[in-house]
Amino acid sequence: MKKSPKQRPSSSTQAPLWEATHPLLLCALVASTCGSMNRFRVRPAEPRDCQDILRLIKELAAYENMPDAVKLTKEDVNVVGFAMYYYTYDPWIGKLLYLEDFYVMDDYRGWGIGTELLKKLSQIAIDTNCGCMHFLVVVWNKPSIEYYMRRGASDLSTEEGWHLFKFDKEHLVRMAAGE
């Protein structure tokens, strides 16, 4: 249930998740198990969830065939899914919710956790006056693409012809220096 085609940033320095992340990225929801089978709850993430979220980020990186890409530190378990998001602004749309990462552990898929996470995200977007939610899905992740499309998502790459570009840190430094 993941979407992002981006390469995770590489870094020679490692930092704890909560310190390494921009404050806007601290907006997250987690799904945790509640004792009995097939029971879970979705709630806002808290600093104490950091280790579990990092474990899921590493599991997500392995799922995306980039197991060594995560450079953040710490580990643990109980959180089985998460959605990390922030707000941004588009001059044509207005305020929007950007879903940076969305993941549910394989053993917990089919419980309705992803659906509940999306429901909560949708309510957050509505409550905060967002015009829409944007996110990325890696092109080979057909199950996730179908999952989102069944729920009404539009594929802007095919419908509007947008391409995603990035400048890595090296090129940012060069441009900032006037090169």
C-alpha atoms as a PDB file:
ATOM      1  CA  MET A   1       0.000   0.000   0.000  1.00  0.00           C
ATOM      2  CA  LYS A   2       2.782   2.401  -0.775  1.00  0.00           C
ATOM      3  CA  LYS A   3       3.271   4.931  -3.406  1.00  0.00           C
ATOM      4  CA  SER A   4       6.542   6.763  -3.608  1.00  0.00           C
ATOM      5  CA  PRO A   5       9.003   6.404  -6.543  1.00  0.00           C
ATOM      6  CA  LYS A   6      11.536   8.615  -4.827  1.00  0.00           C
ATOM      7  CA  GLN A   7      14.956   7.487  -3.745  1.00  0.00           C
ATOM      8  CA  ARG A   8      15.411   7.997  -0.049  1.00  0.00           C
ATOM      9  CA  PRO A   9      18.063  10.623   0.701  1.00  0.00           C
ATOM     10  CA  SER A  10      21.475   9.244   1.533  1.00  0.00           C
ATOM     11  CA  SER A  11      23.454  10.749   4.345  1.00  0.00           C
ATOM     12  CA  SER A  12      26.698   9.966   6.093  1.00  0.00           C
ATOM     13  CA  THR A  13      25.305  11.331   9.363  1.00  0.00           C
ATOM     14  CA  GLN A  14      22.495   9.560  11.153  1.00  0.00           C
ATOM     15  CA  ALA A  15      19.974  11.257  13.407  1.00  0.00           C
ATOM     16  CA  PRO A  16      17.003  10.186  15.499  1.00  0.00           C
ATOM     17  CA  LEU A  17      13.751  10.217  13.508  1.00  0.00           C
ATOM     18  CA  TRP A  18      11.975  12.898  15.519  1.00  0.00           C
ATOM     19  CA  GLU A  19      14.985  15.251  15.340  1.00  0.00           C
ATOM     20  CA  ALA A  20      15.873  14.587  11.696  1.00  0.00           C
ATOM     21  CA  THR A  21      12.424  15.311  10.363  1.00  0.00           C
ATOM     22  CA  HIS A  22      11.114  18.755   9.452  1.00  0.00           C
ATOM     23  CA  PRO A  23       8.431  19.733  11.992  1.00  0.00           C
ATOM     24  CA  LEU A  24       5.720  19.651   9.314  1.00  0.00           C
ATOM     25  CA  LEU A  25       6.414  15.956   8.739  1.00  0.00           C
ATOM     26  CA  LEU A  26       5.528  15.176  12.340  1.00  0.00           C
ATOM     27  CA  CYS A  27       1.900  15.025  11.243  1.00  0.00           C
ATOM     28  CA  ALA A  28       1.264  11.315  11.182  1.00  0.00           C
ATOM     29  CA  LEU A  29      -1.383   8.744  11.962  1.00  0.00           C
ATOM     30  CA  VAL A  30      -0.602   5.271  13.232  1.00  0.00           C
ATOM     31  CA  ALA A  31      -2.617   2.077  13.341  1.00  0.00           C
ATOM     32  CA  SER A  32      -1.871  -0.180  16.287  1.00  0.00           C
ATOM     33  CA  THR A  33      -3.227  -3.563  17.297  1.00  0.00           C
ATOM     34  CA  CYS A  34      -5.549  -3.788  20.284  1.00  0.00           C
ATOM     35  CA  GLY A  35      -5.003  -7.131  21.987  1.00  0.00           C
ATOM     36  CA  SER A  36      -7.368  -9.465  20.127  1.00  0.00           C
ATOM     37  CA  MET A  37      -7.162 -10.576  16.516  1.00  0.00           C
ATOM     38  CA  ASN A  38      -8.444  -8.234  13.826  1.00  0.00           C
ATOM     39  CA  ARG A  39      -8.738  -5.294  16.246  1.00  0.00           C
ATOM     40  CA  PHE A  40      -6.906  -2.054  15.654  1.00  0.00           C
ATOM     41  CA  ARG A  41      -7.205   1.659  16.256  1.00  0.00           C
ATOM     42  CA  VAL A  42      -6.031   4.644  14.231  1.00  0.00           C
ATOM     43  CA  ARG A  43      -4.746   7.635  16.187  1.00  0.00           C
ATOM     44  CA  PRO A  44      -2.411  10.601  15.789  1.00  0.00           C
ATOM     45  CA  ALA A  45       1.243   9.631  16.134  1.00  0.00           C
ATOM     46  CA  GLU A  46       3.134  10.755  19.219  1.00  0.00           C
ATOM     47  CA  PRO A  47       6.880  11.020  19.906  1.00  0.00           C
ATOM     48  CA  ARG A  48       6.719   7.651  21.712  1.00  0.00           C
ATOM     49  CA  ASP A  49       5.745   6.065  18.348  1.00  0.00           C
ATOM     50  CA  CYS A  50       9.034   7.103  16.776  1.00  0.00           C
ATOM     51  CA  GLN A  51      10.702   3.689  17.036  1.00  0.00           C
ATOM     52  CA  ASP A  52       7.703   1.865  15.574  1.00  0.00           C
ATOM     53  CA  ILE A  53       7.342   4.368  12.743  1.00  0.00           C
ATOM     54  CA  LEU A  54      11.040   4.030  11.941  1.00  0.00           C
ATOM     55  CA  ARG A  55      10.653   0.228  11.875  1.00  0.00           C
ATOM     56  CA  LEU A  56       7.811   0.637   9.361  1.00  0.00           C
ATOM     57  CA  ILE A  57       9.816   3.112   7.285  1.00  0.00           C
ATOM     58  CA  LYS A  58      12.622   0.527   7.093  1.00  0.00           C
ATOM     59  CA  GLU A  59      10.129  -2.198   6.176  1.00  0.00           C
ATOM     60  CA  LEU A  60       8.717   0.116   3.500  1.00  0.00           C
ATOM     61  CA  ALA A  61      12.220   0.760   2.136  1.00  0.00           C
ATOM     62  CA  ALA A  62      12.797  -3.007   1.910  1.00  0.00           C
ATOM     63  CA  TYR A  63       9.436  -3.374   0.112  1.00  0.00           C
ATOM     64  CA  GLU A  64      10.607  -0.729  -2.384  1.00  0.00           C
ATOM     65  CA  ASN A  65      13.870  -2.673  -2.923  1.00  0.00           C
ATOM     66  CA  MET A  66      15.937  -0.022  -1.097  1.00  0.00           C
ATOM     67  CA  PRO A  67      16.675  -1.736   2.258  1.00  0.00           C
ATOM     68  CA  ASP A  68      19.867   0.244   2.929  1.00  0.00           C
ATOM     69  CA  ALA A  69      18.443   3.653   1.989  1.00  0.00           C
ATOM     70  CA  VAL A  70      17.072   4.640   5.416  1.00  0.00           C
ATOM     71  CA  LYS A  71      19.734   6.516   7.354  1.00  0.00           C
ATOM     72  CA  LEU A  72      17.694   7.334  10.459  1.00  0.00           C
ATOM     73  CA  THR A  73      18.282   5.392  13.699  1.00  0.00           C
ATOM     74  CA  LYS A  74      16.238   3.511  16.424  1.00  0.00           C
ATOM     75  CA  GLU A  75      14.002   0.362  16.352  1.00  0.00           C
ATOM     76  CA  ASP A  76      10.970  -1.440  18.119  1.00  0.00           C
ATOM     77  CA  VAL A  77       7.008  -2.968  17.635  1.00  0.00           C
ATOM     78  CA  ASN A  78       3.167  -2.525  18.125  1.00  0.00           C
ATOM     79  CA  VAL A  79       2.406   0.036  15.439  1.00  0.00           C
ATOM     80  CA  VAL A  80       1.409  -1.890  12.296  1.00  0.00           C
ATOM     81  CA  GLY A  81       0.637   0.960   9.886  1.00  0.00           C
ATOM     82  CA  PHE A  82       1.208   4.657   9.434  1.00  0.00           C
ATOM     83  CA  ALA A  83       0.427   7.646   7.257  1.00  0.00           C
ATOM     84  CA  MET A  84       2.854  10.589   7.308  1.00  0.00           C
ATOM     85  CA  TYR A  85       1.558  13.820   5.833  1.00  0.00           C
ATOM     86  CA  TYR A  86       1.996  17.566   5.726  1.00  0.00           C
ATOM     87  CA  TYR A  87       0.238  20.581   4.273  1.00  0.00           C
ATOM     88  CA  THR A  88       1.346  22.465   1.212  1.00  0.00           C
ATOM     89  CA  TYR A  89      -0.121  25.091  -1.064  1.00  0.00           C
ATOM     90  CA  ASP A  90      -0.832  25.042  -4.785  1.00  0.00           C
ATOM     91  CA  PRO A  91      -1.641  28.404  -6.403  1.00  0.00           C
ATOM     92  CA  TRP A  92      -4.353  26.789  -8.555  1.00  0.00           C
ATOM     93  CA  ILE A  93      -5.884  24.533  -5.896  1.00  0.00           C
ATOM     94  CA  GLY A  94      -5.100  26.236  -2.585  1.00  0.00           C
ATOM     95  CA  LYS A  95      -4.166  24.351   0.570  1.00  0.00           C
ATOM     96  CA  LEU A  96      -3.703  20.617   0.146  1.00  0.00           C
ATOM     97  CA  LEU A  97      -2.715  17.647   2.241  1.00  0.00           C
ATOM     98  CA  TYR A  98       0.363  15.862   0.917  1.00  0.00           C
ATOM     99  CA  LEU A  99       0.591  12.179   1.869  1.00  0.00           C
ATOM    100  CA  GLU A 100       4.330  11.522   2.086  1.00  0.00           C
ATOM    101  CA  ASP A 101       4.280   7.908   3.266  1.00  0.00           C
ATOM    102  CA  PHE A 102       1.481   5.373   3.714  1.00  0.00           C
ATOM    103  CA  TYR A 103       2.143   1.808   4.778  1.00  0.00           C
ATOM    104  CA  VAL A 104       0.467  -1.159   6.465  1.00  0.00           C
ATOM    105  CA  MET A 105       2.465  -4.260   7.382  1.00  0.00           C
ATOM    106  CA  ASP A 106       1.734  -7.194   5.091  1.00  0.00           C
ATOM    107  CA  ASP A 107       0.349  -9.399   7.897  1.00  0.00           C
ATOM    108  CA  TYR A 108      -2.228  -6.709   8.745  1.00  0.00           C
ATOM    109  CA  ARG A 109      -3.482  -5.938   5.248  1.00  0.00           C
ATOM    110  CA  GLY A 110      -7.118  -6.846   4.696  1.00  0.00           C
ATOM    111  CA  TRP A 111      -8.124  -5.755   8.210  1.00  0.00           C
ATOM    112  CA  GLY A 112      -9.385  -2.381   6.958  1.00  0.00           C
ATOM    113  CA  ILE A 113      -6.442  -0.471   8.429  1.00  0.00           C
ATOM    114  CA  GLY A 114      -5.551   1.262   5.153  1.00  0.00           C
ATOM    115  CA  THR A 115      -9.173   2.208   4.609  1.00  0.00           C
ATOM    116  CA  GLU A 116      -9.417   3.625   8.140  1.00  0.00           C
ATOM    117  CA  LEU A 117      -6.153   5.565   7.718  1.00  0.00           C
ATOM    118  CA  LEU A 118      -7.467   7.077   4.468  1.00  0.00           C
ATOM    119  CA  LYS A 119     -10.793   7.872   6.149  1.00  0.00           C
ATOM    120  CA  LYS A 120      -9.002   9.739   8.962  1.00  0.00           C
ATOM    121  CA  LEU A 121      -6.722  11.537   6.469  1.00  0.00           C
ATOM    122  CA  SER A 122      -9.755  12.570   4.429  1.00  0.00           C
ATOM    123  CA  GLN A 123     -11.460  13.960   7.525  1.00  0.00           C
ATOM    124  CA  ILE A 124      -8.267  15.825   8.519  1.00  0.00           C
ATOM    125  CA  ALA A 125      -8.072  17.318   5.008  1.00  0.00           C
ATOM    126  CA  ILE A 126     -11.711  18.420   5.152  1.00  0.00           C
ATOM    127  CA  ASP A 127     -11.380  19.807   8.700  1.00  0.00           C
ATOM    128  CA  THR A 128      -8.296  21.841   7.709  1.00  0.00           C
ATOM    129  CA  ASN A 129      -9.870  23.236   4.511  1.00  0.00           C
ATOM    130  CA  CYS A 130      -7.704  21.317   2.041  1.00  0.00           C
ATOM    131  CA  GLY A 131      -8.885  21.201  -1.562  1.00  0.00           C
ATOM    132  CA  CYS A 132      -7.409  17.757  -2.188  1.00  0.00           C
ATOM    133  CA  MET A 133      -4.774  15.208  -1.188  1.00  0.00           C
ATOM    134  CA  HIS A 134      -1.673  14.542  -3.321  1.00  0.00           C
ATOM    135  CA  PHE A 135       0.661  11.542  -3.146  1.00  0.00           C
ATOM    136  CA  LEU A 136       2.999   9.470  -5.287  1.00  0.00           C
ATOM    137  CA  VAL A 137       2.832   5.789  -6.202  1.00  0.00           C
ATOM    138  CA  VAL A 138       5.772   3.936  -7.683  1.00  0.00           C
ATOM    139  CA  VAL A 139       4.852   2.755 -11.196  1.00  0.00           C
ATOM    140  CA  TRP A 140       5.421  -0.970 -10.512  1.00  0.00           C
ATOM    141  CA  ASN A 141       3.172  -1.016  -7.422  1.00  0.00           C
ATOM    142  CA  LYS A 142       0.004  -2.092  -9.236  1.00  0.00           C
ATOM    143  CA  PRO A 143      -1.863  -3.242  -6.080  1.00  0.00           C
ATOM    144  CA  SER A 144      -1.494   0.231  -4.537  1.00  0.00           C
ATOM    145  CA  ILE A 145      -2.431   1.983  -7.790  1.00  0.00           C
ATOM    146  CA  GLU A 146      -5.573  -0.145  -8.036  1.00  0.00           C
ATOM    147  CA  TYR A 147      -6.325   0.413  -4.327  1.00  0.00           C
ATOM    148  CA  TYR A 148      -6.229   4.198  -4.732  1.00  0.00           C
ATOM    149  CA  MET A 149      -8.072   4.199  -8.070  1.00  0.00           C
ATOM    150  CA  ARG A 150     -10.919   2.115  -6.544  1.00  0.00           C
ATOM    151  CA  ARG A 151     -11.282   4.874  -3.966  1.00  0.00           C
ATOM    152  CA  GLY A 152     -11.517   7.604  -6.599  1.00  0.00           C
ATOM    153  CA  ALA A 153      -7.910   8.814  -6.942  1.00  0.00           C
ATOM    154  CA  SER A 154      -6.849  10.417 -10.228  1.00  0.00           C
ATOM    155  CA  ASP A 155      -3.529   9.554 -11.864  1.00  0.00           C
ATOM    156  CA  LEU A 156      -2.180  13.000 -12.791  1.00  0.00           C
ATOM    157  CA  SER A 157       0.708  11.509 -14.796  1.00  0.00           C
ATOM    158  CA  THR A 158      -1.723  10.036 -17.321  1.00  0.00           C
ATOM    159  CA  GLU A 159      -4.616  12.485 -16.994  1.00  0.00           C
ATOM    160  CA  GLU A 160      -2.646  15.742 -16.954  1.00  0.00           C
ATOM    161  CA  GLY A 161       0.778  14.679 -18.234  1.00  0.00           C
ATOM    162  CA  TRP A 162       2.811  15.899 -15.248  1.00  0.00           C
ATOM    163  CA  HIS A 163       6.344  14.628 -14.649  1.00  0.00           C
ATOM    164  CA  LEU A 164       7.966  14.628 -11.233  1.00  0.00           C
ATOM    165  CA  PHE A 165      11.436  16.191 -11.093  1.00  0.00           C
ATOM    166  CA  LYS A 166      13.927  16.737  -8.303  1.00  0.00           C
ATOM    167  CA  PHE A 167      17.151  18.607  -7.653  1.00  0.00           C
ATOM    168  CA  ASP A 168      19.435  16.654  -5.324  1.00  0.00           C
ATOM    169  CA  LYS A 169      21.452  18.413  -2.629  1.00  0.00           C
ATOM    170  CA  GLU A 170      24.596  18.619  -4.798  1.00  0.00           C
ATOM    171  CA  HIS A 171      22.716  20.494  -7.526  1.00  0.00           C
ATOM    172  CA  LEU A 172      20.974  22.731  -4.992  1.00  0.00           C
ATOM    173  CA  VAL A 173      24.384  23.720  -3.608  1.00  0.00           C
ATOM    174  CA  ARG A 174      25.673  24.419  -7.137  1.00  0.00           C
ATOM    175  CA  MET A 175      22.676  26.566  -8.048  1.00  0.00           C
ATOM    176  CA  ALA A 176      22.805  28.439  -4.741  1.00  0.00           C
ATOM    177  CA  ALA A 177      26.458  29.223  -5.479  1.00  0.00           C
ATOM    178  CA  GLY A 178      25.495  30.581  -8.905  1.00  0.00           C
ATOM    179  CA  GLU A 179      27.074  27.781 -10.924  1.00  0.00           C
END
